[in-house]
Amino acid sequence: MSAQNTGLRLTTRGRQAVRLLRTLLIALVVIGGALFLATQSFSAAAVAETESESVGIAADSVVVGDGESLWTVAANLGIDRDTRDVVSDIIEINHLSTPTVHPGQTLDVPVS
């Protein structure tokens, strides 16, 4: 008994059409991925740029040092206000969910 080939047989024109569709699909995926990445990086940059402006407090940046807490960061700013209020402003500006900070972390802090 002979083996029968039941696979799909395409003409030359059919094979060209399949290759064209495959190429178009790959191009669509690549372009879609590039657009997605471009919009995500643009969105992140826009959010970072306006983050401190959104709470209406003029801000500067500091890097948390070893052994520093949010309280010591606020106290070291030399702002003539109650340290509790400065800590509250730092939490608000940076959208912190907890008062825990880590060495090397960059924080936006109130200027005055």
Protein backbone atom coordinates (compact mmCIF):
# COMPACT_ATOMS: atom_id res chain seq x y z
CA MET A 1 0.00 0.00 0.00
CA SER A 2 1.39 3.43 -0.88
CA ALA A 3 1.43 6.41 1.44
CA GLN A 4 -0.90 9.16 0.39
CA ASN A 5 0.09 12.83 0.78
CA THR A 6 -2.99 14.62 2.11
CA GLY A 7 -1.23 17.98 2.66
CA LEU A 8 -2.32 21.21 1.06
CA ARG A 9 -0.74 21.88 -2.32
CA LEU A 10 -0.27 25.50 -3.34
CA THR A 11 0.49 26.95 -6.70
CA THR A 12 3.36 29.36 -7.17
CA ARG A 13 0.94 32.26 -6.87
CA GLY A 14 -0.51 30.77 -3.65
CA ARG A 15 2.96 30.39 -2.09
CA GLN A 16 3.73 34.03 -2.97
CA ALA A 17 0.47 35.15 -1.35
CA VAL A 18 1.27 33.19 1.84
CA ARG A 19 4.77 34.73 1.99
CA LEU A 20 3.32 38.23 1.47
CA LEU A 21 0.77 37.73 4.24
CA ARG A 22 3.46 36.40 6.60
CA THR A 23 5.71 39.40 5.84
CA LEU A 24 2.85 41.85 6.38
CA LEU A 25 1.93 40.21 9.67
CA ILE A 26 5.53 40.40 10.95
CA ALA A 27 5.80 44.05 9.85
CA LEU A 28 2.53 44.86 11.63
CA VAL A 29 3.74 43.26 14.86
CA VAL A 30 7.10 45.09 14.72
CA ILE A 31 5.51 48.47 13.99
CA GLY A 32 2.85 47.95 16.67
CA GLY A 33 5.51 47.03 19.24
CA ALA A 34 7.61 50.06 18.35
CA LEU A 35 4.61 52.39 18.66
CA PHE A 36 3.66 50.83 21.99
CA LEU A 37 7.17 51.30 23.40
CA ALA A 38 7.35 54.86 22.09
CA THR A 39 4.05 55.86 23.70
CA GLN A 40 4.98 54.19 27.00
CA SER A 41 8.32 55.98 27.29
CA PHE A 42 6.70 59.28 26.31
CA SER A 43 3.98 58.78 28.94
CA ALA A 44 6.52 57.95 31.65
CA ALA A 45 8.58 61.04 30.81
CA ALA A 46 5.50 63.26 30.90
CA VAL A 47 4.41 61.85 34.27
CA ALA A 48 7.88 62.26 35.77
CA GLU A 49 8.11 65.83 34.49
CA THR A 50 4.81 66.96 35.99
CA GLU A 51 4.80 64.80 39.13
CA SER A 52 6.05 67.44 41.56
CA GLU A 53 4.04 70.17 39.82
CA SER A 54 0.81 68.23 40.30
CA VAL A 55 0.78 68.81 44.06
CA GLY A 56 1.56 72.55 43.75
CA ILE A 57 4.76 72.51 45.82
CA ALA A 58 8.06 73.83 44.48
CA ALA A 59 10.52 70.93 44.72
CA ASP A 60 14.18 70.01 44.43
CA SER A 61 15.80 66.54 44.48
CA VAL A 62 17.96 64.82 47.11
CA VAL A 63 19.43 61.32 47.34
CA VAL A 64 18.84 59.39 50.57
CA GLY A 65 22.11 58.52 52.31
CA ASP A 66 23.03 55.48 54.43
CA GLY A 67 21.20 55.51 57.76
CA GLU A 68 18.90 58.36 56.78
CA SER A 69 15.18 58.27 57.38
CA LEU A 70 12.47 60.45 55.94
CA TRP A 71 12.64 62.47 59.15
CA THR A 72 16.42 63.11 58.86
CA VAL A 73 16.04 64.06 55.19
CA ALA A 74 13.33 66.57 56.13
CA ALA A 75 15.32 67.92 59.09
CA ASN A 76 18.50 68.34 56.99
CA LEU A 77 16.73 70.56 54.45
CA GLY A 78 16.94 73.51 56.84
CA ILE A 79 13.42 74.66 56.10
CA ASP A 80 12.00 76.96 58.76
CA ARG A 81 8.87 74.84 59.34
CA ASP A 82 7.81 72.00 61.57
CA THR A 83 9.65 68.84 60.47
CA ARG A 84 6.36 66.90 60.54
CA ASP A 85 4.93 69.22 57.90
CA VAL A 86 8.04 68.86 55.73
CA VAL A 87 7.84 65.04 56.02
CA SER A 88 4.18 65.25 54.99
CA ASP A 89 5.11 67.38 51.96
CA ILE A 90 7.82 64.90 50.91
CA ILE A 91 5.34 62.03 51.17
CA GLU A 92 2.81 63.98 49.09
CA ILE A 93 5.28 65.13 46.43
CA ASN A 94 6.69 61.62 45.93
CA HIS A 95 3.35 59.79 46.26
CA LEU A 96 4.81 57.52 48.93
CA SER A 97 2.52 54.90 50.43
CA THR A 98 4.84 54.38 53.43
CA PRO A 99 7.43 56.61 55.14
CA THR A 100 10.18 54.04 54.48
CA VAL A 101 13.06 55.25 52.30
CA HIS A 102 16.18 53.43 51.11
CA PRO A 103 19.81 54.54 50.60
CA GLY A 104 20.31 55.76 47.04
CA GLN A 105 16.64 56.60 46.57
CA THR A 106 16.04 59.98 44.92
CA LEU A 107 13.32 62.09 46.51
CA ASP A 108 11.74 65.33 45.41
CA VAL A 109 11.74 67.66 48.44
CA PRO A 110 10.11 71.04 49.06
CA VAL A 111 12.30 74.06 48.46
CA SER A 112 10.78 76.28 51.13
